[in-house]
Amino acid sequence: MKLGNHLRRYRFEHGELSQQALANKIGVTRLTIHSIENQKFVPSTLLALKIAKFFNSSVEEIFFLIEE
């Protein structure tokens, strides 16, 4: 299984927020956001919760499992 996400969509639905702007807001690098969006990096539980809280959403609305 892989972890999928709607992070890019959420960024654009919230004022076309750049990767850098989101990274600054949650305290990570732009590369971290880029890597999450491209399924190259699985965020920690803490980071997934921070992202969900920033978007006033649940973790399950942003992240989901992909069966391979």
PDB file of N, CA and C in Angstrom:
ATOM      1  N   MET A   1       0.836  -1.193   0.000  1.00  0.00           N
ATOM      2  CA  MET A   1       0.000   0.000   0.000  1.00  0.00           C
ATOM      3  C   MET A   1       0.872   1.245   0.000  1.00  0.00           C
ATOM      4  N   LYS A   2       0.332   2.294  -0.585  1.00  0.00           N
ATOM      5  CA  LYS A   2       0.995   3.594  -0.602  1.00  0.00           C
ATOM      6  C   LYS A   2       0.053   4.627   0.015  1.00  0.00           C
ATOM      7  N   LEU A   3       0.643   5.728   0.414  1.00  0.00           N
ATOM      8  CA  LEU A   3      -0.145   6.825   0.962  1.00  0.00           C
ATOM      9  C   LEU A   3      -0.352   7.870  -0.118  1.00  0.00           C
ATOM     10  N   GLY A   4      -1.609   8.084  -0.504  1.00  0.00           N
ATOM     11  CA  GLY A   4      -1.946   9.136  -1.448  1.00  0.00           C
ATOM     12  C   GLY A   4      -2.368  10.385  -0.702  1.00  0.00           C
ATOM     13  N   ASN A   5      -2.504  11.486  -1.427  1.00  0.00           N
ATOM     14  CA  ASN A   5      -2.930  12.720  -0.757  1.00  0.00           C
ATOM     15  C   ASN A   5      -3.571  13.689  -1.743  1.00  0.00           C
ATOM     16  N   HIS A   6      -4.323  14.594  -1.170  1.00  0.00           N
ATOM     17  CA  HIS A   6      -4.967  15.674  -1.923  1.00  0.00           C
ATOM     18  C   HIS A   6      -4.328  17.018  -1.560  1.00  0.00           C
ATOM     19  N   LEU A   7      -3.072  16.975  -1.155  1.00  0.00           N
ATOM     20  CA  LEU A   7      -2.427  18.178  -0.641  1.00  0.00           C
ATOM     21  C   LEU A   7      -2.369  19.293  -1.682  1.00  0.00           C
ATOM     22  N   ARG A   8      -1.992  18.961  -2.901  1.00  0.00           N
ATOM     23  CA  ARG A   8      -1.929  19.992  -3.961  1.00  0.00           C
ATOM     24  C   ARG A   8      -3.298  20.642  -4.154  1.00  0.00           C
ATOM     25  N   ARG A   9      -4.356  19.829  -4.210  1.00  0.00           N
ATOM     26  CA  ARG A   9      -5.702  20.370  -4.382  1.00  0.00           C
ATOM     27  C   ARG A   9      -6.062  21.298  -3.221  1.00  0.00           C
ATOM     28  N   TYR A  10      -5.734  20.868  -1.997  1.00  0.00           N
ATOM     29  CA  TYR A  10      -6.032  21.706  -0.830  1.00  0.00           C
ATOM     30  C   TYR A  10      -5.281  23.031  -0.896  1.00  0.00           C
ATOM     31  N   ARG A  11      -4.031  23.010  -1.337  1.00  0.00           N
ATOM     32  CA  ARG A  11      -3.282  24.264  -1.461  1.00  0.00           C
ATOM     33  C   ARG A  11      -3.968  25.218  -2.428  1.00  0.00           C
ATOM     34  N   PHE A  12      -4.419  24.695  -3.559  1.00  0.00           N
ATOM     35  CA  PHE A  12      -5.044  25.556  -4.566  1.00  0.00           C
ATOM     36  C   PHE A  12      -6.437  26.002  -4.151  1.00  0.00           C
ATOM     37  N   GLU A  13      -7.135  25.186  -3.396  1.00  0.00           N
ATOM     38  CA  GLU A  13      -8.456  25.583  -2.908  1.00  0.00           C
ATOM     39  C   GLU A  13      -8.362  26.625  -1.797  1.00  0.00           C
ATOM     40  N   HIS A  14      -7.186  26.794  -1.238  1.00  0.00           N
ATOM     41  CA  HIS A  14      -6.975  27.776  -0.175  1.00  0.00           C
ATOM     42  C   HIS A  14      -6.104  28.919  -0.688  1.00  0.00           C
ATOM     43  N   GLY A  15      -6.575  29.557  -1.737  1.00  0.00           N
ATOM     44  CA  GLY A  15      -5.924  30.758  -2.249  1.00  0.00           C
ATOM     45  C   GLY A  15      -4.672  30.491  -3.063  1.00  0.00           C
ATOM     46  N   GLU A  16      -4.606  29.339  -3.727  1.00  0.00           N
ATOM     47  CA  GLU A  16      -3.445  28.980  -4.531  1.00  0.00           C
ATOM     48  C   GLU A  16      -2.150  29.142  -3.752  1.00  0.00           C
ATOM     49  N   LEU A  17      -2.168  28.610  -2.544  1.00  0.00           N
ATOM     50  CA  LEU A  17      -1.032  28.663  -1.632  1.00  0.00           C
ATOM     51  C   LEU A  17       0.157  27.932  -2.252  1.00  0.00           C
ATOM     52  N   SER A  18       1.306  28.566  -2.259  1.00  0.00           N
ATOM     53  CA  SER A  18       2.501  27.923  -2.822  1.00  0.00           C
ATOM     54  C   SER A  18       3.029  26.864  -1.858  1.00  0.00           C
ATOM     55  N   GLN A  19       3.856  25.988  -2.384  1.00  0.00           N
ATOM     56  CA  GLN A  19       4.496  24.988  -1.526  1.00  0.00           C
ATOM     57  C   GLN A  19       5.316  25.684  -0.446  1.00  0.00           C
ATOM     58  N   GLN A  20       6.020  26.730  -0.814  1.00  0.00           N
ATOM     59  CA  GLN A  20       6.855  27.452   0.143  1.00  0.00           C
ATOM     60  C   GLN A  20       6.016  28.105   1.233  1.00  0.00           C
ATOM     61  N   ALA A  21       4.898  28.706   0.858  1.00  0.00           N
ATOM     62  CA  ALA A  21       4.038  29.361   1.851  1.00  0.00           C
ATOM     63  C   ALA A  21       3.489  28.333   2.842  1.00  0.00           C
ATOM     64  N   LEU A  22       3.046  27.184   2.342  1.00  0.00           N
ATOM     65  CA  LEU A  22       2.553  26.141   3.238  1.00  0.00           C
ATOM     66  C   LEU A  22       3.672  25.642   4.136  1.00  0.00           C
ATOM     67  N   ALA A  23       4.837  25.405   3.554  1.00  0.00           N
ATOM     68  CA  ALA A  23       5.988  24.942   4.336  1.00  0.00           C
ATOM     69  C   ALA A  23       6.306  25.921   5.465  1.00  0.00           C
ATOM     70  N   ASN A  24       6.291  27.209   5.173  1.00  0.00           N
ATOM     71  CA  ASN A  24       6.563  28.230   6.192  1.00  0.00           C
ATOM     72  C   ASN A  24       5.525  28.183   7.308  1.00  0.00           C
ATOM     73  N   LYS A  25       4.265  27.986   6.938  1.00  0.00           N
ATOM     74  CA  LYS A  25       3.176  27.987   7.924  1.00  0.00           C
ATOM     75  C   LYS A  25       3.264  26.799   8.886  1.00  0.00           C
ATOM     76  N   ILE A  26       3.734  25.643   8.389  1.00  0.00           N
ATOM     77  CA  ILE A  26       3.751  24.458   9.261  1.00  0.00           C
ATOM     78  C   ILE A  26       5.151  24.070   9.737  1.00  0.00           C
ATOM     79  N   GLY A  27       6.156  24.842   9.333  1.00  0.00           N
ATOM     80  CA  GLY A  27       7.499  24.644   9.872  1.00  0.00           C
ATOM     81  C   GLY A  27       8.313  23.525   9.242  1.00  0.00           C
ATOM     82  N   VAL A  28       8.178  23.356   7.932  1.00  0.00           N
ATOM     83  CA  VAL A  28       8.994  22.381   7.208  1.00  0.00           C
ATOM     84  C   VAL A  28       9.590  23.067   5.979  1.00  0.00           C
ATOM     85  N   THR A  29      10.346  22.320   5.196  1.00  0.00           N
ATOM     86  CA  THR A  29      10.921  22.895   3.973  1.00  0.00           C
ATOM     87  C   THR A  29       9.955  22.717   2.802  1.00  0.00           C
ATOM     88  N   ARG A  30      10.181  23.505   1.765  1.00  0.00           N
ATOM     89  CA  ARG A  30       9.376  23.373   0.555  1.00  0.00           C
ATOM     90  C   ARG A  30       9.571  21.991  -0.052  1.00  0.00           C
ATOM     91  N   LEU A  31      10.785  21.466   0.034  1.00  0.00           N
ATOM     92  CA  LEU A  31      11.067  20.139  -0.500  1.00  0.00           C
ATOM     93  C   LEU A  31      10.227  19.064   0.199  1.00  0.00           C
ATOM     94  N   THR A  32       9.969  19.237   1.490  1.00  0.00           N
ATOM     95  CA  THR A  32       9.120  18.290   2.219  1.00  0.00           C
ATOM     96  C   THR A  32       7.715  18.285   1.629  1.00  0.00           C
ATOM     97  N   ILE A  33       7.156  19.456   1.395  1.00  0.00           N
ATOM     98  CA  ILE A  33       5.812  19.557   0.813  1.00  0.00           C
ATOM     99  C   ILE A  33       5.810  18.938  -0.581  1.00  0.00           C
ATOM    100  N   HIS A  34       6.802  19.273  -1.379  1.00  0.00           N
ATOM    101  CA  HIS A  34       6.923  18.723  -2.729  1.00  0.00           C
ATOM    102  C   HIS A  34       6.991  17.191  -2.682  1.00  0.00           C
ATOM    103  N   SER A  35       7.800  16.659  -1.788  1.00  0.00           N
ATOM    104  CA  SER A  35       7.973  15.209  -1.675  1.00  0.00           C
ATOM    105  C   SER A  35       6.702  14.510  -1.212  1.00  0.00           C
ATOM    106  N   ILE A  36       5.954  15.128  -0.316  1.00  0.00           N
ATOM    107  CA  ILE A  36       4.676  14.557   0.124  1.00  0.00           C
ATOM    108  C   ILE A  36       3.699  14.525  -1.042  1.00  0.00           C
ATOM    109  N   GLU A  37       3.586  15.645  -1.754  1.00  0.00           N
ATOM    110  CA  GLU A  37       2.653  15.724  -2.879  1.00  0.00           C
ATOM    111  C   GLU A  37       2.959  14.691  -3.962  1.00  0.00           C
ATOM    112  N   ASN A  38       4.223  14.380  -4.147  1.00  0.00           N
ATOM    113  CA  ASN A  38       4.635  13.438  -5.183  1.00  0.00           C
ATOM    114  C   ASN A  38       4.823  12.017  -4.661  1.00  0.00           C
ATOM    115  N   GLN A  39       4.317  11.768  -3.476  1.00  0.00           N
ATOM    116  CA  GLN A  39       4.336  10.448  -2.842  1.00  0.00           C
ATOM    117  C   GLN A  39       5.740   9.862  -2.732  1.00  0.00           C
ATOM    118  N   LYS A  40       6.728  10.725  -2.544  1.00  0.00           N
ATOM    119  CA  LYS A  40       8.111  10.292  -2.337  1.00  0.00           C
ATOM    120  C   LYS A  40       8.441  10.248  -0.844  1.00  0.00           C
ATOM    121  N   PHE A  41       7.607  10.876  -0.029  1.00  0.00           N
ATOM    122  CA  PHE A  41       7.841  10.966   1.412  1.00  0.00           C
ATOM    123  C   PHE A  41       6.514  10.784   2.136  1.00  0.00           C
ATOM    124  N   VAL A  42       6.513   9.910   3.130  1.00  0.00           N
ATOM    125  CA  VAL A  42       5.325   9.699   3.951  1.00  0.00           C
ATOM    126  C   VAL A  42       5.486  10.553   5.209  1.00  0.00           C
ATOM    127  N   PRO A  43       4.583  11.503   5.434  1.00  0.00           N
ATOM    128  CA  PRO A  43       4.727  12.380   6.593  1.00  0.00           C
ATOM    129  C   PRO A  43       4.506  11.627   7.898  1.00  0.00           C
ATOM    130  N   SER A  44       5.138  12.105   8.939  1.00  0.00           N
ATOM    131  CA  SER A  44       4.903  11.553  10.271  1.00  0.00           C
ATOM    132  C   SER A  44       3.467  11.861  10.677  1.00  0.00           C
ATOM    133  N   THR A  45       3.019  11.194  11.697  1.00  0.00           N
ATOM    134  CA  THR A  45       1.672  11.458  12.219  1.00  0.00           C
ATOM    135  C   THR A  45       1.556  12.917  12.642  1.00  0.00           C
ATOM    136  N   LEU A  46       2.584  13.422  13.307  1.00  0.00           N
ATOM    137  CA  LEU A  46       2.568  14.813  13.765  1.00  0.00           C
ATOM    138  C   LEU A  46       2.452  15.775  12.586  1.00  0.00           C
ATOM    139  N   LEU A  47       3.229  15.537  11.538  1.00  0.00           N
ATOM    140  CA  LEU A  47       3.183  16.421  10.373  1.00  0.00           C
ATOM    141  C   LEU A  47       1.837  16.324   9.657  1.00  0.00           C
ATOM    142  N   ALA A  48       1.297  15.117   9.527  1.00  0.00           N
ATOM    143  CA  ALA A  48      -0.021  14.961   8.888  1.00  0.00           C
ATOM    144  C   ALA A  48      -1.088  15.704   9.692  1.00  0.00           C
ATOM    145  N   LEU A  49      -1.001  15.633  11.009  1.00  0.00           N
ATOM    146  CA  LEU A  49      -1.961  16.348  11.854  1.00  0.00           C
ATOM    147  C   LEU A  49      -1.801  17.865  11.726  1.00  0.00           C
ATOM    148  N   LYS A  50      -0.560  18.342  11.635  1.00  0.00           N
ATOM    149  CA  LYS A  50      -0.319  19.785  11.458  1.00  0.00           C
ATOM    150  C   LYS A  50      -0.911  20.272  10.138  1.00  0.00           C
ATOM    151  N   ILE A  51      -0.704  19.484   9.090  1.00  0.00           N
ATOM    152  CA  ILE A  51      -1.241  19.851   7.778  1.00  0.00           C
ATOM    153  C   ILE A  51      -2.762  19.893   7.824  1.00  0.00           C
ATOM    154  N   ALA A  52      -3.366  18.872   8.396  1.00  0.00           N
ATOM    155  CA  ALA A  52      -4.830  18.820   8.498  1.00  0.00           C
ATOM    156  C   ALA A  52      -5.354  19.991   9.323  1.00  0.00           C
ATOM    157  N   LYS A  53      -4.694  20.289  10.428  1.00  0.00           N
ATOM    158  CA  LYS A  53      -5.136  21.409  11.276  1.00  0.00           C
ATOM    159  C   LYS A  53      -5.030  22.727  10.516  1.00  0.00           C
ATOM    160  N   PHE A  54      -3.950  22.914   9.768  1.00  0.00           N
ATOM    161  CA  PHE A  54      -3.789  24.143   8.997  1.00  0.00           C
ATOM    162  C   PHE A  54      -4.959  24.340   8.040  1.00  0.00           C
ATOM    163  N   PHE A  55      -5.388  23.253   7.388  1.00  0.00           N
ATOM    164  CA  PHE A  55      -6.488  23.338   6.429  1.00  0.00           C
ATOM    165  C   PHE A  55      -7.859  23.152   7.082  1.00  0.00           C
ATOM    166  N   ASN A  56      -7.886  23.081   8.419  1.00  0.00           N
ATOM    167  CA  ASN A  56      -9.140  22.903   9.152  1.00  0.00           C
ATOM    168  C   ASN A  56      -9.904  21.689   8.613  1.00  0.00           C
ATOM    169  N   SER A  57      -9.178  20.587   8.489  1.00  0.00           N
ATOM    170  CA  SER A  57      -9.694  19.369   7.885  1.00  0.00           C
ATOM    171  C   SER A  57      -9.272  18.182   8.736  1.00  0.00           C
ATOM    172  N   SER A  58      -9.779  17.021   8.393  1.00  0.00           N
ATOM    173  CA  SER A  58      -9.303  15.813   9.066  1.00  0.00           C
ATOM    174  C   SER A  58      -8.157  15.219   8.238  1.00  0.00           C
ATOM    175  N   VAL A  59      -7.335  14.435   8.889  1.00  0.00           N
ATOM    176  CA  VAL A  59      -6.232  13.771   8.199  1.00  0.00           C
ATOM    177  C   VAL A  59      -6.781  12.907   7.059  1.00  0.00           C
ATOM    178  N   GLU A  60      -7.896  12.220   7.317  1.00  0.00           N
ATOM    179  CA  GLU A  60      -8.478  11.314   6.321  1.00  0.00           C
ATOM    180  C   GLU A  60      -8.999  12.037   5.084  1.00  0.00           C
ATOM    181  N   GLU A  61      -9.310  13.318   5.197  1.00  0.00           N
ATOM    182  CA  GLU A  61      -9.749  14.081   4.029  1.00  0.00           C
ATOM    183  C   GLU A  61      -8.583  14.440   3.111  1.00  0.00           C
ATOM    184  N   ILE A  62      -7.398  14.516   3.674  1.00  0.00           N
ATOM    185  CA  ILE A  62      -6.219  14.907   2.898  1.00  0.00           C
ATOM    186  C   ILE A  62      -5.392  13.695   2.462  1.00  0.00           C
ATOM    187  N   PHE A  63      -5.271  12.724   3.358  1.00  0.00           N
ATOM    188  CA  PHE A  63      -4.456  11.537   3.084  1.00  0.00           C
ATOM    189  C   PHE A  63      -5.323  10.288   2.982  1.00  0.00           C
ATOM    190  N   PHE A  64      -4.930   9.368   2.091  1.00  0.00           N
ATOM    191  CA  PHE A  64      -5.695   8.135   1.886  1.00  0.00           C
ATOM    192  C   PHE A  64      -4.751   7.026   1.443  1.00  0.00           C
ATOM    193  N   LEU A  65      -5.197   5.786   1.595  1.00  0.00           N
ATOM    194  CA  LEU A  65      -4.397   4.631   1.200  1.00  0.00           C
ATOM    195  C   LEU A  65      -4.687   4.236  -0.253  1.00  0.00           C
ATOM    196  N   ILE A  66      -3.634   3.864  -0.947  1.00  0.00           N
ATOM    197  CA  ILE A  66      -3.741   3.364  -2.311  1.00  0.00           C
ATOM    198  C   ILE A  66      -3.282   1.904  -2.287  1.00  0.00           C
ATOM    199  N   GLU A  67      -4.139   1.007  -2.699  1.00  0.00           N
ATOM    200  CA  GLU A  67      -3.761  -0.393  -2.757  1.00  0.00           C
ATOM    201  C   GLU A  67      -3.048  -0.661  -4.066  1.00  0.00           C
ATOM    202  N   GLU A  68      -1.925  -1.332  -3.967  1.00  0.00           N
ATOM    203  CA  GLU A  68      -1.130  -1.598  -5.184  1.00  0.00           C
ATOM    204  C   GLU A  68      -1.360  -3.000  -5.672  1.00  0.00           C
TER     205      GLU A  68
END
